[in-house]
C-alpha atoms as a PDB file:
ATOM      1  CA  MET A   1       0.132   0.067  -0.038  1.00  0.00           C
ATOM      2  CA  LYS A   2       2.805   2.449   1.157  1.00  0.00           C
ATOM      3  CA  LYS A   3       4.691   1.632  -2.358  1.00  0.00           C
ATOM      4  CA  THR A   4       1.441   2.304  -4.069  1.00  0.00           C
ATOM      5  CA  CYS A   5       0.584   5.528  -2.741  1.00  0.00           C
ATOM      6  CA  PHE A   6       4.809   6.379  -3.191  1.00  0.00           C
ATOM      7  CA  VAL A   7       4.227   5.810  -6.891  1.00  0.00           C
ATOM      8  CA  ALA A   8       1.032   7.524  -7.179  1.00  0.00           C
ATOM      9  CA  GLY A   9       2.685  10.550  -5.685  1.00  0.00           C
ATOM     10  CA  LEU A  10       5.637  10.421  -8.256  1.00  0.00           C
ATOM     11  CA  TRP A  11       2.985  10.402 -10.908  1.00  0.00           C
ATOM     12  CA  LEU A  12       1.045  13.333  -9.302  1.00  0.00           C
ATOM     13  CA  LEU A  13       4.601  15.422  -9.129  1.00  0.00           C
ATOM     14  CA  GLY A  14       5.374  14.623 -12.866  1.00  0.00           C
ATOM     15  CA  SER A  15       2.003  15.516 -14.061  1.00  0.00           C
ATOM     16  CA  GLN A  16       2.182  18.712 -12.399  1.00  0.00           C
ATOM     17  CA  ALA A  17       5.582  19.275 -13.416  1.00  0.00           C
ATOM     18  CA  ALA A  18       4.516  18.482 -17.271  1.00  0.00           C
ATOM     19  CA  LEU A  19       1.492  20.822 -17.051  1.00  0.00           C
ATOM     20  CA  ALA A  20       3.826  23.641 -15.469  1.00  0.00           C
ATOM     21  CA  GLN A  21       6.246  23.315 -18.282  1.00  0.00           C
ATOM     22  CA  GLN A  22       3.422  23.166 -20.820  1.00  0.00           C
ATOM     23  CA  ALA A  23       1.489  26.322 -19.293  1.00  0.00           C
ATOM     24  CA  PRO A  24       1.798  28.936 -22.025  1.00  0.00           C
ATOM     25  CA  GLU A  25       3.650  32.469 -20.688  1.00  0.00           C
ATOM     26  CA  ALA A  26       1.515  35.491 -20.564  1.00  0.00           C
ATOM     27  CA  PRO A  27       2.378  37.678 -23.951  1.00  0.00           C
ATOM     28  CA  LYS A  28       4.813  40.585 -23.879  1.00  0.00           C
ATOM     29  CA  PRO A  29       3.173  43.776 -23.669  1.00  0.00           C
ATOM     30  CA  PRO A  30       3.386  45.730 -26.611  1.00  0.00           C
ATOM     31  CA  LEU A  31       6.223  48.644 -27.140  1.00  0.00           C
ATOM     32  CA  GLY A  32       4.751  51.754 -25.833  1.00  0.00           C
ATOM     33  CA  PHE A  33       7.544  53.608 -24.753  1.00  0.00           C
ATOM     34  CA  PHE A  34      11.132  54.320 -25.503  1.00  0.00           C
ATOM     35  CA  VAL A  35      13.930  56.926 -25.592  1.00  0.00           C
ATOM     36  CA  THR A  36      14.811  57.996 -29.183  1.00  0.00           C
ATOM     37  CA  SER A  37      18.081  55.680 -29.943  1.00  0.00           C
ATOM     38  CA  THR A  38      19.316  59.048 -32.386  1.00  0.00           C
ATOM     39  CA  GLY A  39      18.505  62.963 -32.007  1.00  0.00           C
ATOM     40  CA  LEU A  40      18.150  64.932 -35.208  1.00  0.00           C
ATOM     41  CA  GLY A  41      21.474  65.961 -35.277  1.00  0.00           C
ATOM     42  CA  LYS A  42      20.350  69.540 -35.017  1.00  0.00           C
ATOM     43  CA  GLY A  43      20.393  70.055 -31.223  1.00  0.00           C
ATOM     44  CA  ALA A  44      17.090  70.997 -30.208  1.00  0.00           C
ATOM     45  CA  ASP A  45      15.791  71.971 -33.449  1.00  0.00           C
ATOM     46  CA  LEU A  46      13.388  69.111 -33.923  1.00  0.00           C
ATOM     47  CA  GLY A  47      11.344  70.787 -36.619  1.00  0.00           C
ATOM     48  CA  GLY A  48       8.920  71.495 -34.021  1.00  0.00           C
ATOM     49  CA  LEU A  49       6.043  69.056 -32.175  1.00  0.00           C
ATOM     50  CA  ALA A  50       5.409  67.506 -35.962  1.00  0.00           C
ATOM     51  CA  GLY A  51       9.323  66.730 -36.399  1.00  0.00           C
ATOM     52  CA  ALA A  52       9.793  65.137 -33.065  1.00  0.00           C
ATOM     53  CA  ASP A  53       6.435  63.167 -33.502  1.00  0.00           C
ATOM     54  CA  ALA A  54       7.672  62.074 -37.024  1.00  0.00           C
ATOM     55  CA  HIS A  55      10.861  61.040 -35.831  1.00  0.00           C
ATOM     56  CA  CYS A  56       9.164  58.897 -32.849  1.00  0.00           C
ATOM     57  CA  GLN A  57       7.005  57.184 -35.697  1.00  0.00           C
ATOM     58  CA  GLN A  58      10.041  56.429 -37.925  1.00  0.00           C
ATOM     59  CA  LEU A  59      11.942  54.676 -35.349  1.00  0.00           C
ATOM     60  CA  ALA A  60       8.915  52.714 -33.942  1.00  0.00           C
ATOM     61  CA  GLY A  61       8.356  51.525 -37.384  1.00  0.00           C
ATOM     62  CA  ALA A  62      11.753  50.315 -37.833  1.00  0.00           C
ATOM     63  CA  VAL A  63      11.152  48.145 -35.276  1.00  0.00           C
ATOM     64  CA  GLY A  64       8.002  46.984 -35.997  1.00  0.00           C
ATOM     65  CA  ALA A  65       5.888  49.127 -34.108  1.00  0.00           C
ATOM     66  CA  GLY A  66       4.771  51.608 -36.647  1.00  0.00           C
ATOM     67  CA  HIS A  67       1.314  50.812 -36.418  1.00  0.00           C
ATOM     68  CA  ARG A  68       0.948  52.670 -33.420  1.00  0.00           C
ATOM     69  CA  THR A  69       0.607  56.387 -33.095  1.00  0.00           C
ATOM     70  CA  TRP A  70       3.556  57.778 -31.543  1.00  0.00           C
ATOM     71  CA  HIS A  71       4.218  61.385 -29.734  1.00  0.00           C
ATOM     72  CA  ALA A  72       7.175  62.750 -28.384  1.00  0.00           C
ATOM     73  CA  TYR A  73       7.053  63.874 -24.670  1.00  0.00           C
ATOM     74  CA  LEU A  74       7.158  67.611 -25.195  1.00  0.00           C
ATOM     75  CA  SER A  75       5.629  70.410 -23.919  1.00  0.00           C
ATOM     76  CA  THR A  76       5.423  74.026 -26.172  1.00  0.00           C
ATOM     77  CA  GLN A  77       5.092  77.318 -24.745  1.00  0.00           C
ATOM     78  CA  PRO A  78       2.298  79.881 -25.641  1.00  0.00           C
ATOM     79  CA  SER A  79       3.453  81.560 -28.726  1.00  0.00           C
ATOM     80  CA  GLY A  80       2.049  83.565 -31.869  1.00  0.00           C
ATOM     81  CA  GLY A  81      -1.428  83.422 -30.408  1.00  0.00           C
ATOM     82  CA  GLN A  82      -0.750  79.547 -30.079  1.00  0.00           C
ATOM     83  CA  PRO A  83      -1.768  78.114 -26.631  1.00  0.00           C
ATOM     84  CA  ALA A  84       0.756  75.880 -24.833  1.00  0.00           C
ATOM     85  CA  VAL A  85       0.942  72.007 -25.186  1.00  0.00           C
ATOM     86  CA  ASN A  86       1.405  69.889 -22.259  1.00  0.00           C
ATOM     87  CA  ALA A  87       3.545  66.692 -22.916  1.00  0.00           C
ATOM     88  CA  ARG A  88       1.195  64.614 -20.406  1.00  0.00           C
ATOM     89  CA  ASP A  89      -1.749  65.642 -22.786  1.00  0.00           C
ATOM     90  CA  ARG A  90      -0.139  64.065 -26.104  1.00  0.00           C
ATOM     91  CA  ILE A  91       0.909  60.645 -24.692  1.00  0.00           C
ATOM     92  CA  GLY A  92      -2.329  58.939 -24.461  1.00  0.00           C
ATOM     93  CA  LYS A  93      -3.719  57.070 -21.224  1.00  0.00           C
ATOM     94  CA  GLY A  94      -1.194  53.953 -20.844  1.00  0.00           C
ATOM     95  CA  PRO A  95      -0.287  51.530 -19.553  1.00  0.00           C
ATOM     96  CA  TRP A  96       3.358  52.035 -21.633  1.00  0.00           C
ATOM     97  CA  ALA A  97       5.756  49.048 -21.515  1.00  0.00           C
ATOM     98  CA  ASN A  98       9.324  49.253 -23.055  1.00  0.00           C
ATOM     99  CA  ALA A  99      11.325  47.132 -25.604  1.00  0.00           C
ATOM    100  CA  ALA A 100      11.617  44.284 -22.802  1.00  0.00           C
ATOM    101  CA  GLY A 101       8.001  44.060 -22.196  1.00  0.00           C
ATOM    102  CA  VAL A 102       8.413  45.950 -18.571  1.00  0.00           C
ATOM    103  CA  ILE A 103       5.819  48.488 -17.853  1.00  0.00           C
ATOM    104  CA  VAL A 104       7.314  52.028 -16.856  1.00  0.00           C
ATOM    105  CA  ALA A 105       3.820  53.621 -15.776  1.00  0.00           C
ATOM    106  CA  ASN A 106       0.208  52.319 -15.725  1.00  0.00           C
ATOM    107  CA  ASP A 107      -1.325  55.709 -16.516  1.00  0.00           C
ATOM    108  CA  VAL A 108      -0.456  59.310 -16.641  1.00  0.00           C
ATOM    109  CA  ALA A 109      -1.021  60.045 -13.114  1.00  0.00           C
ATOM    110  CA  HIS A 110       1.282  57.248 -12.052  1.00  0.00           C
ATOM    111  CA  LEU A 111       3.663  58.518 -14.487  1.00  0.00           C
ATOM    112  CA  HIS A 112       3.449  61.855 -13.129  1.00  0.00           C
ATOM    113  CA  GLY A 113       2.963  61.152  -9.481  1.00  0.00           C
ATOM    114  CA  ASP A 114      -0.052  63.257  -9.421  1.00  0.00           C
ATOM    115  CA  THR A 115      -1.365  61.948  -6.050  1.00  0.00           C
ATOM    116  CA  LEU A 116       0.898  61.738  -2.563  1.00  0.00           C
ATOM    117  CA  GLU A 117       0.370  58.036  -2.890  1.00  0.00           C
ATOM    118  CA  LEU A 118       1.365  57.725  -6.424  1.00  0.00           C
ATOM    119  CA  ALA A 119       4.196  60.076  -5.820  1.00  0.00           C
ATOM    120  CA  GLN A 120       5.642  57.769  -2.949  1.00  0.00           C
ATOM    121  CA  LEU A 121       5.093  54.931  -5.192  1.00  0.00           C
ATOM    122  CA  GLY A 122       6.845  56.482  -8.308  1.00  0.00           C
ATOM    123  CA  ASN A 123       6.736  55.379 -11.487  1.00  0.00           C
ATOM    124  CA  ASN A 124       9.265  52.529 -12.839  1.00  0.00           C
ATOM    125  CA  LEU A 125      11.333  54.896 -15.597  1.00  0.00           C
ATOM    126  CA  HIS A 126      14.925  54.898 -14.563  1.00  0.00           C
ATOM    127  CA  LYS A 127      18.096  53.791 -16.308  1.00  0.00           C
ATOM    128  CA  LYS A 128      17.323  50.236 -16.154  1.00  0.00           C
ATOM    129  CA  THR A 129      13.713  50.300 -17.870  1.00  0.00           C
ATOM    130  CA  ALA A 130      14.420  53.656 -20.223  1.00  0.00           C
ATOM    131  CA  TYR A 131      15.637  51.749 -23.172  1.00  0.00           C
ATOM    132  CA  THR A 132      15.482  52.656 -26.746  1.00  0.00           C
ATOM    133  CA  GLU A 133      13.004  51.414 -29.368  1.00  0.00           C
ATOM    134  CA  LYS A 134      15.967  48.647 -30.069  1.00  0.00           C
ATOM    135  CA  GLY A 135      15.728  47.476 -26.521  1.00  0.00           C
ATOM    136  CA  GLU A 136      19.291  49.223 -25.896  1.00  0.00           C
ATOM    137  CA  ALA A 137      20.518  50.639 -22.657  1.00  0.00           C
ATOM    138  CA  LEU A 138      21.296  54.393 -22.723  1.00  0.00           C
ATOM    139  CA  LYS A 139      24.658  56.097 -21.470  1.00  0.00           C
ATOM    140  CA  GLY A 140      24.000  57.902 -18.049  1.00  0.00           C
ATOM    141  CA  VAL A 141      26.189  59.171 -15.375  1.00  0.00           C
ATOM    142  CA  GLY A 142      29.319  56.687 -14.951  1.00  0.00           C
ATOM    143  CA  ASP A 143      29.060  55.800 -18.724  1.00  0.00           C
ATOM    144  CA  THR A 144      31.399  57.753 -21.213  1.00  0.00           C
ATOM    145  CA  PRO A 145      29.533  60.053 -22.647  1.00  0.00           C
ATOM    146  CA  ASN A 146      27.082  60.828 -20.395  1.00  0.00           C
ATOM    147  CA  GLU A 147      23.803  61.563 -22.124  1.00  0.00           C
ATOM    148  CA  HIS A 148      21.250  61.232 -19.607  1.00  0.00           C
ATOM    149  CA  ASP A 149      19.761  64.716 -20.673  1.00  0.00           C
ATOM    150  CA  ILE A 150      16.334  63.948 -22.046  1.00  0.00           C
ATOM    151  CA  LEU A 151      14.550  67.037 -23.831  1.00  0.00           C
ATOM    152  CA  THR A 152      11.177  67.697 -22.343  1.00  0.00           C
ATOM    153  CA  GLY A 153      10.687  71.187 -22.257  1.00  0.00           C
ATOM    154  CA  SER A 154       8.046  70.120 -19.208  1.00  0.00           C
ATOM    155  CA  LYS A 155       7.636  71.179 -15.493  1.00  0.00           C
ATOM    156  CA  PRO A 156       7.670  68.036 -13.086  1.00  0.00           C
ATOM    157  CA  ASP A 157       3.921  67.747 -13.235  1.00  0.00           C
ATOM    158  CA  GLY A 158       4.385  67.421 -17.214  1.00  0.00           C
ATOM    159  CA  THR A 159       2.889  70.716 -18.178  1.00  0.00           C
ATOM    160  CA  ALA A 160       4.253  73.733 -19.920  1.00  0.00           C
ATOM    161  CA  TYR A 161       6.269  76.740 -18.819  1.00  0.00           C
ATOM    162  CA  THR A 162       3.882  79.709 -19.425  1.00  0.00           C
ATOM    163  CA  ASP A 163       6.535  82.486 -18.034  1.00  0.00           C
ATOM    164  CA  ALA A 164       8.388  84.700 -20.323  1.00  0.00           C
ATOM    165  CA  ALA A 165      11.578  82.463 -20.095  1.00  0.00           C
ATOM    166  CA  ASP A 166      12.313  80.100 -23.142  1.00  0.00           C
ATOM    167  CA  HIS A 167      12.332  76.721 -21.774  1.00  0.00           C
ATOM    168  CA  THR A 168      11.618  74.812 -25.190  1.00  0.00           C
ATOM    169  CA  CYS A 169      14.410  76.339 -27.728  1.00  0.00           C
ATOM    170  CA  LYS A 170      11.444  78.110 -29.151  1.00  0.00           C
ATOM    171  CA  ASN A 171       9.188  75.376 -29.131  1.00  0.00           C
ATOM    172  CA  TYR A 172      11.892  73.099 -30.561  1.00  0.00           C
ATOM    173  CA  THR A 173      12.649  75.259 -33.685  1.00  0.00           C
ATOM    174  CA  SER A 174      15.893  76.760 -32.607  1.00  0.00           C
ATOM    175  CA  SER A 175      19.725  75.338 -32.624  1.00  0.00           C
ATOM    176  CA  GLY A 176      20.767  78.638 -31.617  1.00  0.00           C
ATOM    177  CA  GLU A 177      19.662  80.894 -28.912  1.00  0.00           C
ATOM    178  CA  GLY A 178      17.490  79.863 -26.014  1.00  0.00           C
ATOM    179  CA  THR A 179      17.732  76.848 -23.728  1.00  0.00           C
ATOM    180  CA  VAL A 180      15.508  73.746 -23.051  1.00  0.00           C
ATOM    181  CA  ARG A 181      14.479  71.788 -20.072  1.00  0.00           C
ATOM    182  CA  VAL A 182      15.610  68.460 -19.581  1.00  0.00           C
ATOM    183  CA  GLY A 183      14.905  65.364 -17.514  1.00  0.00           C
ATOM    184  CA  HIS A 184      17.596  62.646 -16.501  1.00  0.00           C
ATOM    185  CA  PHE A 185      16.424  59.335 -17.268  1.00  0.00           C
ATOM    186  CA  ASP A 186      18.995  57.635 -15.136  1.00  0.00           C
ATOM    187  CA  ARG A 187      17.569  59.861 -12.073  1.00  0.00           C
ATOM    188  CA  THR A 188      20.977  60.587 -10.914  1.00  0.00           C
ATOM    189  CA  ASN A 189      22.736  64.104 -10.762  1.00  0.00           C
ATOM    190  CA  GLY A 190      26.374  62.527 -10.910  1.00  0.00           C
ATOM    191  CA  GLY A 191      26.936  61.195  -7.365  1.00  0.00           C
ATOM    192  CA  ARG A 192      25.907  64.485  -5.959  1.00  0.00           C
ATOM    193  CA  THR A 193      23.240  64.116  -2.576  1.00  0.00           C
ATOM    194  CA  GLY A 194      20.207  66.070  -2.895  1.00  0.00           C
ATOM    195  CA  GLY A 195      19.289  68.148  -5.713  1.00  0.00           C
ATOM    196  CA  ASN A 196      16.834  67.452  -8.635  1.00  0.00           C
ATOM    197  CA  VAL A 197      16.679  63.702  -9.939  1.00  0.00           C
ATOM    198  CA  SER A 198      13.714  64.124 -12.011  1.00  0.00           C
ATOM    199  CA  TRP A 199      12.980  62.165 -15.082  1.00  0.00           C
ATOM    200  CA  ASN A 200      11.425  64.821 -17.062  1.00  0.00           C
ATOM    201  CA  SER A 201      12.471  68.263 -15.368  1.00  0.00           C
ATOM    202  CA  THR A 202      15.881  68.590 -13.804  1.00  0.00           C
ATOM    203  CA  HIS A 203      17.467  71.608 -15.298  1.00  0.00           C
ATOM    204  CA  ASP A 204      17.862  73.849 -18.315  1.00  0.00           C
ATOM    205  CA  SER A 205      20.180  72.909 -21.009  1.00  0.00           C
ATOM    206  CA  ARG A 206      23.148  75.461 -21.812  1.00  0.00           C
ATOM    207  CA  GLY A 207      21.901  76.181 -24.976  1.00  0.00           C
ATOM    208  CA  CYS A 208      20.029  74.660 -27.996  1.00  0.00           C
ATOM    209  CA  SER A 209      22.826  73.764 -30.538  1.00  0.00           C
ATOM    210  CA  GLN A 210      23.853  70.308 -30.420  1.00  0.00           C
ATOM    211  CA  GLU A 211      27.258  71.267 -28.712  1.00  0.00           C
ATOM    212  CA  ASN A 212      25.566  72.909 -25.930  1.00  0.00           C
ATOM    213  CA  LEU A 213      23.619  69.993 -25.586  1.00  0.00           C
ATOM    214  CA  VAL A 214      26.360  67.345 -25.541  1.00  0.00           C
ATOM    215  CA  ALA A 215      28.246  69.940 -23.323  1.00  0.00           C
ATOM    216  CA  THR A 216      25.407  69.608 -20.347  1.00  0.00           C
ATOM    217  CA  GLY A 217      25.368  65.920 -20.634  1.00  0.00           C
ATOM    218  CA  GLY A 218      22.863  65.123 -23.530  1.00  0.00           C
ATOM    219  CA  ALA A 219      22.561  64.304 -27.226  1.00  0.00           C
ATOM    220  CA  GLY A 220      19.163  65.614 -28.250  1.00  0.00           C
ATOM    221  CA  TYR A 221      17.211  62.409 -27.159  1.00  0.00           C
ATOM    222  CA  PHE A 222      13.563  62.557 -26.448  1.00  0.00           C
ATOM    223  CA  TYR A 223      11.062  60.285 -24.793  1.00  0.00           C
ATOM    224  CA  CYS A 224       8.156  58.619 -27.276  1.00  0.00           C
ATOM    225  CA  PHE A 225       5.088  57.184 -26.050  1.00  0.00           C
ATOM    226  CA  ALA A 226       2.452  55.593 -27.825  1.00  0.00           C
ATOM    227  CA  ALA A 227      -0.678  57.679 -27.523  1.00  0.00           C
ATOM    228  CA  ASP A 228      -3.561  55.014 -28.946  1.00  0.00           C
END
């Protein structure tokens, strides 16, 4: 009897193991977020929002995600009678997954920490998740060169600046005068304690040219989100 029970137990364990091996894995979420693997080479002159969106769409298309509608995470300031545009209003509802299938944020509120609870929870956007559309890691603090500055033109809550200062390099049409607000995708300040380590609003650039973006630790990259 004991032998029979023992054999039955082995059979049950073997059956469970076989079922576990046969259980299908959950499908990987589709690509919904990436950092551009290349800039446009003209500093913060991206051809405005339209040019930035087109770049996101082109890069996504190159990795088989061109069927989705892609928008750059960029805010614009009021200009020429046109109202400001908030980056947070351009990117859809979420959730957004990176090229590895990891969710970086569930929705707009989670991405920006709109409530105290969400702010304490924090989003999942950092150096180990902020991949390019190809699934490649970016160079941040500690790498050569450091390229952790990401163009956003935004305040921490994802809204546009409305003061008289230029925070968007003339709404991403200038590679000369002006400045653009950037965030740090790696959420670090080069080892310095304290200070702002925001993913989307850390400091202003030194200028709008490619050289000035590089000088402050960037390369003209920006975030892209699937808005559909």
